[in-house]
Structure formats: C-alpha cells, structure tokens
Amino acid sequence: MNTSINRRDIVRERIGNAIALLVLILIGLLALMGPSGLLAWSDQAAQLEDHKQRIATLEEERAVLANRLELLDADHVDPDLASELVRRDLNVAHQDEYVVELEPLH
C-alpha cells in the first residue's frame, strides 16, 4: 500500500511539473512571438518612424495654415493674399487686365 501512495505522489508530481513546464513554454512563446513580443519590435519600430514622419509633415502643414490664417486676420488682411484668393475663388479680374487661356500640354 505504501508503494501505491508513493506512485500516486510521483505521478501527481510529474503531471504538475509537466503542466508547469507547458505554462512556462507558452509564456516564453508569447514573449517571443506575441503582439508585443521580441519579433514584433522591429515592426513597431518601423511604424513609429512612419508616424514620426507623418507628424512632421502635419506640423509643417499646420505652420503653413497658421501663417495663412494670420495673413487673413480681419483686422489687417494682407492685400496680396486677399487679391489672389478673390481672383482664384471668384474668378474675377480688374477691368484693365487680360485673361489668356492656354490649352494644356499633352
């Protein structure tokens, strides 16, 4: 009877060790290949660089728009910009100006 208890204890211990080993292997695989694992770091680094470039581009566009907004301030509008916008958006010209239409080059 003593040997059967010892065998049961040995079997339970081996099963417990096997389960613990499987859990450790699973954790190791997730650390290596998971969404934030070692293999995903290079992809995330590339995405980070793309996002940094996009942010830099958007900041440049924002600076251009802020400058145009400042030039169109209601208290002191830049006359050249106002004239350019009126001519472009409303398709108008002064009486003493000529409009020359050019055909697009193919």
PDB file of N, CA and C in Angstrom:
ATOM      1  N   MET A   1       0.813  -1.180   0.000  1.00  0.00           N
ATOM      2  CA  MET A   1       0.000   0.000   0.000  1.00  0.00           C
ATOM      3  C   MET A   1       0.871   1.264   0.000  1.00  0.00           C
ATOM      4  N   ASN A   2       1.936   1.181   0.614  1.00  0.00           N
ATOM      5  CA  ASN A   2       2.868   2.286   0.669  1.00  0.00           C
ATOM      6  C   ASN A   2       3.433   2.624  -0.709  1.00  0.00           C
ATOM      7  N   THR A   3       3.639   1.607  -1.527  1.00  0.00           N
ATOM      8  CA  THR A   3       4.179   1.834  -2.861  1.00  0.00           C
ATOM      9  C   THR A   3       3.161   2.487  -3.771  1.00  0.00           C
ATOM     10  N   SER A   4       1.863   2.164  -3.624  1.00  0.00           N
ATOM     11  CA  SER A   4       0.845   2.790  -4.460  1.00  0.00           C
ATOM     12  C   SER A   4       0.685   4.266  -4.119  1.00  0.00           C
ATOM     13  N   ILE A   5       0.822   4.624  -2.843  1.00  0.00           N
ATOM     14  CA  ILE A   5       0.745   6.034  -2.444  1.00  0.00           C
ATOM     15  C   ILE A   5       1.956   6.780  -2.997  1.00  0.00           C
ATOM     16  N   ASN A   6       3.101   6.148  -2.945  1.00  0.00           N
ATOM     17  CA  ASN A   6       4.299   6.782  -3.470  1.00  0.00           C
ATOM     18  C   ASN A   6       4.196   6.960  -4.989  1.00  0.00           C
ATOM     19  N   ARG A   7       3.620   5.957  -5.663  1.00  0.00           N
ATOM     20  CA  ARG A   7       3.463   6.066  -7.120  1.00  0.00           C
ATOM     21  C   ARG A   7       2.476   7.177  -7.472  1.00  0.00           C
ATOM     22  N   ARG A   8       1.385   7.264  -6.724  1.00  0.00           N
ATOM     23  CA  ARG A   8       0.413   8.331  -6.968  1.00  0.00           C
ATOM     24  C   ARG A   8       1.065   9.696  -6.752  1.00  0.00           C
ATOM     25  N   ASP A   9       1.827   9.817  -5.704  1.00  0.00           N
ATOM     26  CA  ASP A   9       2.514  11.076  -5.440  1.00  0.00           C
ATOM     27  C   ASP A   9       3.493  11.405  -6.556  1.00  0.00           C
ATOM     28  N   ILE A  10       4.191  10.399  -7.032  1.00  0.00           N
ATOM     29  CA  ILE A  10       5.159  10.614  -8.117  1.00  0.00           C
ATOM     30  C   ILE A  10       4.424  11.014  -9.394  1.00  0.00           C
ATOM     31  N   VAL A  11       3.297  10.340  -9.710  1.00  0.00           N
ATOM     32  CA  VAL A  11       2.523  10.665 -10.911  1.00  0.00           C
ATOM     33  C   VAL A  11       1.958  12.080 -10.806  1.00  0.00           C
ATOM     34  N   ARG A  12       1.410  12.446  -9.649  1.00  0.00           N
ATOM     35  CA  ARG A  12       0.876  13.794  -9.454  1.00  0.00           C
ATOM     36  C   ARG A  12       1.983  14.842  -9.589  1.00  0.00           C
ATOM     37  N   GLU A  13       3.124  14.537  -9.045  1.00  0.00           N
ATOM     38  CA  GLU A  13       4.242  15.483  -9.136  1.00  0.00           C
ATOM     39  C   GLU A  13       4.681  15.651 -10.580  1.00  0.00           C
ATOM     40  N   ARG A  14       4.749  14.549 -11.329  1.00  0.00           N
ATOM     41  CA  ARG A  14       5.156  14.625 -12.734  1.00  0.00           C
ATOM     42  C   ARG A  14       4.122  15.383 -13.565  1.00  0.00           C
ATOM     43  N   ILE A  15       2.840  15.151 -13.292  1.00  0.00           N
ATOM     44  CA  ILE A  15       1.782  15.879 -14.003  1.00  0.00           C
ATOM     45  C   ILE A  15       1.865  17.366 -13.678  1.00  0.00           C
ATOM     46  N   GLY A  16       2.068  17.687 -12.430  1.00  0.00           N
ATOM     47  CA  GLY A  16       2.220  19.088 -12.025  1.00  0.00           C
ATOM     48  C   GLY A  16       3.430  19.729 -12.683  1.00  0.00           C
ATOM     49  N   ASN A  17       4.533  18.988 -12.734  1.00  0.00           N
ATOM     50  CA  ASN A  17       5.740  19.511 -13.398  1.00  0.00           C
ATOM     51  C   ASN A  17       5.507  19.709 -14.898  1.00  0.00           C
ATOM     52  N   ALA A  18       4.786  18.774 -15.511  1.00  0.00           N
ATOM     53  CA  ALA A  18       4.514  18.871 -16.948  1.00  0.00           C
ATOM     54  C   ALA A  18       3.632  20.084 -17.240  1.00  0.00           C
ATOM     55  N   ILE A  19       2.624  20.294 -16.413  1.00  0.00           N
ATOM     56  CA  ILE A  19       1.747  21.452 -16.604  1.00  0.00           C
ATOM     57  C   ILE A  19       2.533  22.748 -16.403  1.00  0.00           C
ATOM     58  N   ALA A  20       3.367  22.792 -15.380  1.00  0.00           N
ATOM     59  CA  ALA A  20       4.182  23.984 -15.135  1.00  0.00           C
ATOM     60  C   ALA A  20       5.133  24.240 -16.309  1.00  0.00           C
ATOM     61  N   LEU A  21       5.715  23.174 -16.850  1.00  0.00           N
ATOM     62  CA  LEU A  21       6.608  23.319 -17.998  1.00  0.00           C
ATOM     63  C   LEU A  21       5.847  23.828 -19.216  1.00  0.00           C
ATOM     64  N   LEU A  22       4.647  23.329 -19.463  1.00  0.00           N
ATOM     65  CA  LEU A  22       3.835  23.797 -20.587  1.00  0.00           C
ATOM     66  C   LEU A  22       3.468  25.275 -20.432  1.00  0.00           C
ATOM     67  N   VAL A  23       3.129  25.667 -19.217  1.00  0.00           N
ATOM     68  CA  VAL A  23       2.795  27.073 -18.978  1.00  0.00           C
ATOM     69  C   VAL A  23       4.020  27.948 -19.228  1.00  0.00           C
ATOM     70  N   LEU A  24       5.190  27.530 -18.759  1.00  0.00           N
ATOM     71  CA  LEU A  24       6.411  28.301 -18.996  1.00  0.00           C
ATOM     72  C   LEU A  24       6.752  28.378 -20.479  1.00  0.00           C
ATOM     73  N   ILE A  25       6.555  27.284 -21.203  1.00  0.00           N
ATOM     74  CA  ILE A  25       6.798  27.295 -22.655  1.00  0.00           C
ATOM     75  C   ILE A  25       5.832  28.258 -23.342  1.00  0.00           C
ATOM     76  N   LEU A  26       4.575  28.237 -22.939  1.00  0.00           N
ATOM     77  CA  LEU A  26       3.582  29.153 -23.509  1.00  0.00           C
ATOM     78  C   LEU A  26       3.953  30.608 -23.239  1.00  0.00           C
ATOM     79  N   ILE A  27       4.354  30.904 -22.026  1.00  0.00           N
ATOM     80  CA  ILE A  27       4.762  32.279 -21.686  1.00  0.00           C
ATOM     81  C   ILE A  27       5.980  32.684 -22.508  1.00  0.00           C
ATOM     82  N   GLY A  28       6.923  31.779 -22.673  1.00  0.00           N
ATOM     83  CA  GLY A  28       8.109  32.058 -23.481  1.00  0.00           C
ATOM     84  C   GLY A  28       7.760  32.320 -24.932  1.00  0.00           C
ATOM     85  N   LEU A  29       6.846  31.523 -25.480  1.00  0.00           N
ATOM     86  CA  LEU A  29       6.430  31.740 -26.879  1.00  0.00           C
ATOM     87  C   LEU A  29       5.714  33.078 -27.044  1.00  0.00           C
ATOM     88  N   LEU A  30       4.865  33.424 -26.087  1.00  0.00           N
ATOM     89  CA  LEU A  30       4.179  34.709 -26.158  1.00  0.00           C
ATOM     90  C   LEU A  30       5.172  35.867 -26.044  1.00  0.00           C
ATOM     91  N   ALA A  31       6.186  35.705 -25.205  1.00  0.00           N
ATOM     92  CA  ALA A  31       7.197  36.759 -25.068  1.00  0.00           C
ATOM     93  C   ALA A  31       8.005  36.910 -26.349  1.00  0.00           C
ATOM     94  N   LEU A  32       8.149  35.843 -27.080  1.00  0.00           N
ATOM     95  CA  LEU A  32       8.926  35.897 -28.316  1.00  0.00           C
ATOM     96  C   LEU A  32       8.074  36.314 -29.509  1.00  0.00           C
ATOM     97  N   MET A  33       6.891  35.706 -29.660  1.00  0.00           N
ATOM     98  CA  MET A  33       6.101  35.897 -30.876  1.00  0.00           C
ATOM     99  C   MET A  33       4.773  36.610 -30.651  1.00  0.00           C
ATOM    100  N   GLY A  34       4.481  37.067 -29.450  1.00  0.00           N
ATOM    101  CA  GLY A  34       3.206  37.724 -29.172  1.00  0.00           C
ATOM    102  C   GLY A  34       3.107  39.093 -29.820  1.00  0.00           C
ATOM    103  N   PRO A  35       1.969  39.772 -29.653  1.00  0.00           N
ATOM    104  CA  PRO A  35       1.767  41.078 -30.282  1.00  0.00           C
ATOM    105  C   PRO A  35       2.760  42.133 -29.800  1.00  0.00           C
ATOM    106  N   SER A  36       3.285  41.972 -28.611  1.00  0.00           N
ATOM    107  CA  SER A  36       4.307  42.911 -28.121  1.00  0.00           C
ATOM    108  C   SER A  36       5.594  42.164 -27.798  1.00  0.00           C
ATOM    109  N   GLY A  37       5.810  41.060 -28.467  1.00  0.00           N
ATOM    110  CA  GLY A  37       6.994  40.245 -28.234  1.00  0.00           C
ATOM    111  C   GLY A  37       8.213  40.765 -28.964  1.00  0.00           C
ATOM    112  N   LEU A  38       9.295  40.037 -28.832  1.00  0.00           N
ATOM    113  CA  LEU A  38      10.560  40.460 -29.424  1.00  0.00           C
ATOM    114  C   LEU A  38      10.495  40.556 -30.942  1.00  0.00           C
ATOM    115  N   LEU A  39       9.790  39.643 -31.585  1.00  0.00           N
ATOM    116  CA  LEU A  39       9.723  39.656 -33.045  1.00  0.00           C
ATOM    117  C   LEU A  39       8.882  40.818 -33.577  1.00  0.00           C
ATOM    118  N   ALA A  40       7.959  41.322 -32.775  1.00  0.00           N
ATOM    119  CA  ALA A  40       7.097  42.426 -33.205  1.00  0.00           C
ATOM    120  C   ALA A  40       7.773  43.783 -33.011  1.00  0.00           C
ATOM    121  N   TRP A  41       8.881  43.841 -32.299  1.00  0.00           N
ATOM    122  CA  TRP A  41       9.527  45.124 -32.028  1.00  0.00           C
ATOM    123  C   TRP A  41      10.005  45.812 -33.294  1.00  0.00           C
ATOM    124  N   SER A  42      10.537  45.066 -34.239  1.00  0.00           N
ATOM    125  CA  SER A  42      11.022  45.703 -35.463  1.00  0.00           C
ATOM    126  C   SER A  42       9.866  46.314 -36.258  1.00  0.00           C
ATOM    127  N   ASP A  43       8.741  45.625 -36.309  1.00  0.00           N
ATOM    128  CA  ASP A  43       7.561  46.183 -36.984  1.00  0.00           C
ATOM    129  C   ASP A  43       7.071  47.437 -36.276  1.00  0.00           C
ATOM    130  N   GLN A  44       7.059  47.387 -34.958  1.00  0.00           N
ATOM    131  CA  GLN A  44       6.603  48.548 -34.195  1.00  0.00           C
ATOM    132  C   GLN A  44       7.572  49.715 -34.335  1.00  0.00           C
ATOM    133  N   ALA A  45       8.864  49.425 -34.424  1.00  0.00           N
ATOM    134  CA  ALA A  45       9.847  50.495 -34.631  1.00  0.00           C
ATOM    135  C   ALA A  45       9.643  51.147 -35.994  1.00  0.00           C
ATOM    136  N   ALA A  46       9.353  50.352 -37.016  1.00  0.00           N
ATOM    137  CA  ALA A  46       9.094  50.894 -38.349  1.00  0.00           C
ATOM    138  C   ALA A  46       7.823  51.741 -38.345  1.00  0.00           C
ATOM    139  N   GLN A  47       6.791  51.264 -37.674  1.00  0.00           N
ATOM    140  CA  GLN A  47       5.552  52.036 -37.573  1.00  0.00           C
ATOM    141  C   GLN A  47       5.781  53.343 -36.830  1.00  0.00           C
ATOM    142  N   LEU A  48       6.618  53.299 -35.808  1.00  0.00           N
ATOM    143  CA  LEU A  48       6.922  54.508 -35.055  1.00  0.00           C
ATOM    144  C   LEU A  48       7.608  55.540 -35.943  1.00  0.00           C
ATOM    145  N   GLU A  49       8.543  55.102 -36.768  1.00  0.00           N
ATOM    146  CA  GLU A  49       9.217  56.025 -37.686  1.00  0.00           C
ATOM    147  C   GLU A  49       8.226  56.616 -38.691  1.00  0.00           C
ATOM    148  N   ASP A  50       7.321  55.781 -39.217  1.00  0.00           N
ATOM    149  CA  ASP A  50       6.296  56.271 -40.142  1.00  0.00           C
ATOM    150  C   ASP A  50       5.420  57.336 -39.469  1.00  0.00           C
ATOM    151  N   HIS A  51       5.036  57.060 -38.223  1.00  0.00           N
ATOM    152  CA  HIS A  51       4.190  58.010 -37.501  1.00  0.00           C
ATOM    153  C   HIS A  51       4.945  59.312 -37.222  1.00  0.00           C
ATOM    154  N   LYS A  52       6.235  59.213 -36.907  1.00  0.00           N
ATOM    155  CA  LYS A  52       7.027  60.422 -36.667  1.00  0.00           C
ATOM    156  C   LYS A  52       7.125  61.268 -37.938  1.00  0.00           C
ATOM    157  N   GLN A  53       7.302  60.614 -39.078  1.00  0.00           N
ATOM    158  CA  GLN A  53       7.360  61.346 -40.346  1.00  0.00           C
ATOM    159  C   GLN A  53       6.019  61.995 -40.655  1.00  0.00           C
ATOM    160  N   ARG A  54       4.946  61.282 -40.399  1.00  0.00           N
ATOM    161  CA  ARG A  54       3.604  61.823 -40.635  1.00  0.00           C
ATOM    162  C   ARG A  54       3.347  63.030 -39.736  1.00  0.00           C
ATOM    163  N   ILE A  55       3.769  62.940 -38.488  1.00  0.00           N
ATOM    164  CA  ILE A  55       3.604  64.056 -37.550  1.00  0.00           C
ATOM    165  C   ILE A  55       4.391  65.267 -38.027  1.00  0.00           C
ATOM    166  N   ALA A  56       5.621  65.042 -38.497  1.00  0.00           N
ATOM    167  CA  ALA A  56       6.440  66.155 -39.000  1.00  0.00           C
ATOM    168  C   ALA A  56       5.772  66.815 -40.199  1.00  0.00           C
ATOM    169  N   THR A  57       5.218  66.019 -41.104  1.00  0.00           N
ATOM    170  CA  THR A  57       4.516  66.559 -42.270  1.00  0.00           C
ATOM    171  C   THR A  57       3.295  67.370 -41.845  1.00  0.00           C
ATOM    172  N   LEU A  58       2.543  66.835 -40.913  1.00  0.00           N
ATOM    173  CA  LEU A  58       1.349  67.546 -40.442  1.00  0.00           C
ATOM    174  C   LEU A  58       1.711  68.827 -39.707  1.00  0.00           C
ATOM    175  N   GLU A  59       2.810  68.828 -38.977  1.00  0.00           N
ATOM    176  CA  GLU A  59       3.239  70.052 -38.291  1.00  0.00           C
ATOM    177  C   GLU A  59       3.643  71.125 -39.303  1.00  0.00           C
ATOM    178  N   GLU A  60       4.289  70.711 -40.400  1.00  0.00           N
ATOM    179  CA  GLU A  60       4.633  71.672 -41.452  1.00  0.00           C
ATOM    180  C   GLU A  60       3.368  72.252 -42.088  1.00  0.00           C
ATOM    181  N   GLU A  61       2.405  71.393 -42.382  1.00  0.00           N
ATOM    182  CA  GLU A  61       1.141  71.860 -42.966  1.00  0.00           C
ATOM    183  C   GLU A  61       0.424  72.804 -41.998  1.00  0.00           C
ATOM    184  N   ARG A  62       0.483  72.476 -40.718  1.00  0.00           N
ATOM    185  CA  ARG A  62      -0.161  73.317 -39.712  1.00  0.00           C
ATOM    186  C   ARG A  62       0.498  74.693 -39.657  1.00  0.00           C
ATOM    187  N   ALA A  63       1.821  74.736 -39.771  1.00  0.00           N
ATOM    188  CA  ALA A  63       2.526  76.022 -39.759  1.00  0.00           C
ATOM    189  C   ALA A  63       2.132  76.864 -40.967  1.00  0.00           C
ATOM    190  N   VAL A  64       1.992  76.234 -42.134  1.00  0.00           N
ATOM    191  CA  VAL A  64       1.580  76.960 -43.343  1.00  0.00           C
ATOM    192  C   VAL A  64       0.170  77.511 -43.158  1.00  0.00           C
ATOM    193  N   LEU A  65      -0.726  76.683 -42.634  1.00  0.00           N
ATOM    194  CA  LEU A  65      -2.105  77.144 -42.420  1.00  0.00           C
ATOM    195  C   LEU A  65      -2.178  78.247 -41.369  1.00  0.00           C
ATOM    196  N   ALA A  66      -1.357  78.148 -40.325  1.00  0.00           N
ATOM    197  CA  ALA A  66      -1.343  79.194 -39.300  1.00  0.00           C
ATOM    198  C   ALA A  66      -0.854  80.507 -39.902  1.00  0.00           C
ATOM    199  N   ASN A  67       0.120  80.438 -40.801  1.00  0.00           N
ATOM    200  CA  ASN A  67       0.615  81.645 -41.468  1.00  0.00           C
ATOM    201  C   ASN A  67      -0.477  82.263 -42.342  1.00  0.00           C
ATOM    202  N   ARG A  68      -1.183  81.438 -43.094  1.00  0.00           N
ATOM    203  CA  ARG A  68      -2.263  81.954 -43.946  1.00  0.00           C
ATOM    204  C   ARG A  68      -3.375  82.555 -43.087  1.00  0.00           C
ATOM    205  N   LEU A  69      -3.662  81.929 -41.969  1.00  0.00           N
ATOM    206  CA  LEU A  69      -4.689  82.453 -41.071  1.00  0.00           C
ATOM    207  C   LEU A  69      -4.279  83.815 -40.530  1.00  0.00           C
ATOM    208  N   GLU A  70      -3.011  83.943 -40.207  1.00  0.00           N
ATOM    209  CA  GLU A  70      -2.516  85.228 -39.715  1.00  0.00           C
ATOM    210  C   GLU A  70      -2.601  86.293 -40.810  1.00  0.00           C
ATOM    211  N   LEU A  71      -2.304  85.908 -42.056  1.00  0.00           N
ATOM    212  CA  LEU A  71      -2.379  86.869 -43.162  1.00  0.00           C
ATOM    213  C   LEU A  71      -3.811  87.278 -43.468  1.00  0.00           C
ATOM    214  N   LEU A  72      -4.776  86.434 -43.131  1.00  0.00           N
ATOM    215  CA  LEU A  72      -6.192  86.737 -43.401  1.00  0.00           C
ATOM    216  C   LEU A  72      -6.916  87.264 -42.170  1.00  0.00           C
ATOM    217  N   ASP A  73      -6.182  87.695 -41.169  1.00  0.00           N
ATOM    218  CA  ASP A  73      -6.794  88.240 -39.960  1.00  0.00           C
ATOM    219  C   ASP A  73      -7.676  89.433 -40.342  1.00  0.00           C
ATOM    220  N   ALA A  74      -8.856  89.498 -39.777  1.00  0.00           N
ATOM    221  CA  ALA A  74      -9.841  90.525 -40.160  1.00  0.00           C
ATOM    222  C   ALA A  74      -9.352  91.945 -39.865  1.00  0.00           C
ATOM    223  N   ASP A  75      -8.506  92.115 -38.883  1.00  0.00           N
ATOM    224  CA  ASP A  75      -8.026  93.456 -38.532  1.00  0.00           C
ATOM    225  C   ASP A  75      -6.979  93.995 -39.503  1.00  0.00           C
ATOM    226  N   HIS A  76      -6.168  93.098 -40.075  1.00  0.00           N
ATOM    227  CA  HIS A  76      -5.137  93.549 -41.020  1.00  0.00           C
ATOM    228  C   HIS A  76      -4.872  92.445 -42.057  1.00  0.00           C
ATOM    229  N   VAL A  77      -5.719  92.440 -43.078  1.00  0.00           N
ATOM    230  CA  VAL A  77      -5.619  91.445 -44.147  1.00  0.00           C
ATOM    231  C   VAL A  77      -4.472  91.817 -45.086  1.00  0.00           C
ATOM    232  N   ASP A  78      -3.707  90.819 -45.482  1.00  0.00           N
ATOM    233  CA  ASP A  78      -2.647  91.034 -46.461  1.00  0.00           C
ATOM    234  C   ASP A  78      -3.301  91.277 -47.821  1.00  0.00           C
ATOM    235  N   PRO A  79      -3.083  92.426 -48.436  1.00  0.00           N
ATOM    236  CA  PRO A  79      -3.787  92.745 -49.688  1.00  0.00           C
ATOM    237  C   PRO A  79      -3.416  91.810 -50.841  1.00  0.00           C
ATOM    238  N   ASP A  80      -2.168  91.369 -50.907  1.00  0.00           N
ATOM    239  CA  ASP A  80      -1.771  90.466 -51.995  1.00  0.00           C
ATOM    240  C   ASP A  80      -2.478  89.119 -51.890  1.00  0.00           C
ATOM    241  N   LEU A  81      -2.534  88.582 -50.683  1.00  0.00           N
ATOM    242  CA  LEU A  81      -3.200  87.293 -50.496  1.00  0.00           C
ATOM    243  C   LEU A  81      -4.696  87.428 -50.739  1.00  0.00           C
ATOM    244  N   ALA A  82      -5.296  88.507 -50.262  1.00  0.00           N
ATOM    245  CA  ALA A  82      -6.738  88.706 -50.475  1.00  0.00           C
ATOM    246  C   ALA A  82      -7.042  88.803 -51.965  1.00  0.00           C
ATOM    247  N   SER A  83      -6.216  89.557 -52.694  1.00  0.00           N
ATOM    248  CA  SER A  83      -6.414  89.693 -54.131  1.00  0.00           C
ATOM    249  C   SER A  83      -6.269  88.343 -54.829  1.00  0.00           C
ATOM    250  N   GLU A  84      -5.263  87.602 -54.428  1.00  0.00           N
ATOM    251  CA  GLU A  84      -5.048  86.264 -55.030  1.00  0.00           C
ATOM    252  C   GLU A  84      -6.239  85.353 -54.785  1.00  0.00           C
ATOM    253  N   LEU A  85      -6.747  85.343 -53.568  1.00  0.00           N
ATOM    254  CA  LEU A  85      -7.884  84.473 -53.240  1.00  0.00           C
ATOM    255  C   LEU A  85      -9.150  84.890 -53.973  1.00  0.00           C
ATOM    256  N   VAL A  86      -9.401  86.190 -54.060  1.00  0.00           N
ATOM    257  CA  VAL A  86     -10.594  86.664 -54.756  1.00  0.00           C
ATOM    258  C   VAL A  86     -10.518  86.284 -56.226  1.00  0.00           C
ATOM    259  N   ARG A  87      -9.361  86.485 -56.838  1.00  0.00           N
ATOM    260  CA  ARG A  87      -9.213  86.156 -58.254  1.00  0.00           C
ATOM    261  C   ARG A  87      -9.366  84.654 -58.492  1.00  0.00           C
ATOM    262  N   ARG A  88      -8.774  83.864 -57.635  1.00  0.00           N
ATOM    263  CA  ARG A  88      -8.820  82.417 -57.831  1.00  0.00           C
ATOM    264  C   ARG A  88     -10.205  81.832 -57.532  1.00  0.00           C
ATOM    265  N   ASP A  89     -10.767  82.214 -56.398  1.00  0.00           N
ATOM    266  CA  ASP A  89     -12.013  81.581 -55.953  1.00  0.00           C
ATOM    267  C   ASP A  89     -13.250  82.155 -56.637  1.00  0.00           C
ATOM    268  N   LEU A  90     -13.242  83.447 -56.931  1.00  0.00           N
ATOM    269  CA  LEU A  90     -14.411  84.077 -57.535  1.00  0.00           C
ATOM    270  C   LEU A  90     -14.265  84.263 -59.040  1.00  0.00           C
ATOM    271  N   ASN A  91     -13.087  83.953 -59.547  1.00  0.00           N
ATOM    272  CA  ASN A  91     -12.827  84.031 -60.989  1.00  0.00           C
ATOM    273  C   ASN A  91     -13.102  85.432 -61.518  1.00  0.00           C
ATOM    274  N   VAL A  92     -12.507  86.434 -60.856  1.00  0.00           N
ATOM    275  CA  VAL A  92     -12.694  87.820 -61.267  1.00  0.00           C
ATOM    276  C   VAL A  92     -11.342  88.424 -61.629  1.00  0.00           C
ATOM    277  N   ALA A  93     -11.399  89.555 -62.328  1.00  0.00           N
ATOM    278  CA  ALA A  93     -10.191  90.293 -62.701  1.00  0.00           C
ATOM    279  C   ALA A  93     -10.535  91.771 -62.762  1.00  0.00           C
ATOM    280  N   HIS A  94      -9.506  92.620 -62.738  1.00  0.00           N
ATOM    281  CA  HIS A  94      -9.711  94.059 -62.896  1.00  0.00           C
ATOM    282  C   HIS A  94     -10.085  94.357 -64.347  1.00  0.00           C
ATOM    283  N   GLN A  95     -10.657  95.537 -64.554  1.00  0.00           N
ATOM    284  CA  GLN A  95     -11.092  95.915 -65.902  1.00  0.00           C
ATOM    285  C   GLN A  95      -9.915  96.088 -66.860  1.00  0.00           C
ATOM    286  N   ASP A  96      -8.789  96.476 -66.356  1.00  0.00           N
ATOM    287  CA  ASP A  96      -7.637  96.726 -67.228  1.00  0.00           C
ATOM    288  C   ASP A  96      -6.748  95.489 -67.408  1.00  0.00           C
ATOM    289  N   GLU A  97      -7.190  94.326 -66.947  1.00  0.00           N
ATOM    290  CA  GLU A  97      -6.397  93.101 -67.079  1.00  0.00           C
ATOM    291  C   GLU A  97      -6.934  92.238 -68.208  1.00  0.00           C
ATOM    292  N   TYR A  98      -6.050  91.440 -68.784  1.00  0.00           N
ATOM    293  CA  TYR A  98      -6.435  90.496 -69.840  1.00  0.00           C
ATOM    294  C   TYR A  98      -6.287  89.072 -69.308  1.00  0.00           C
ATOM    295  N   VAL A  99      -7.202  88.219 -69.713  1.00  0.00           N
ATOM    296  CA  VAL A  99      -7.133  86.802 -69.352  1.00  0.00           C
ATOM    297  C   VAL A  99      -6.745  86.028 -70.575  1.00  0.00           C
ATOM    298  N   VAL A 100      -5.683  85.273 -70.473  1.00  0.00           N
ATOM    299  CA  VAL A 100      -5.204  84.460 -71.584  1.00  0.00           C
ATOM    300  C   VAL A 100      -5.377  82.996 -71.192  1.00  0.00           C
ATOM    301  N   GLU A 101      -6.185  82.296 -71.946  1.00  0.00           N
ATOM    302  CA  GLU A 101      -6.404  80.877 -71.664  1.00  0.00           C
ATOM    303  C   GLU A 101      -5.438  80.053 -72.510  1.00  0.00           C
ATOM    304  N   LEU A 102      -4.799  79.133 -71.880  1.00  0.00           N
ATOM    305  CA  LEU A 102      -3.839  78.258 -72.557  1.00  0.00           C
ATOM    306  C   LEU A 102      -4.371  76.846 -72.551  1.00  0.00           C
ATOM    307  N   GLU A 103      -4.154  76.159 -73.677  1.00  0.00           N
ATOM    308  CA  GLU A 103      -4.549  74.760 -73.739  1.00  0.00           C
ATOM    309  C   GLU A 103      -3.494  73.921 -73.013  1.00  0.00           C
ATOM    310  N   PRO A 104      -3.933  72.891 -72.300  1.00  0.00           N
ATOM    311  CA  PRO A 104      -2.962  72.065 -71.563  1.00  0.00           C
ATOM    312  C   PRO A 104      -2.064  71.290 -72.546  1.00  0.00           C
ATOM    313  N   LEU A 105      -0.818  71.127 -72.162  1.00  0.00           N
ATOM    314  CA  LEU A 105       0.133  70.375 -72.975  1.00  0.00           C
ATOM    315  C   LEU A 105      -0.063  68.882 -72.769  1.00  0.00           C
ATOM    316  N   HIS A 106       0.019  68.133 -73.805  1.00  0.00           N
ATOM    317  CA  HIS A 106      -0.155  66.682 -73.686  1.00  0.00           C
ATOM    318  C   HIS A 106       1.161  65.978 -73.755  1.00  0.00           C
TER     319      HIS A 106
END
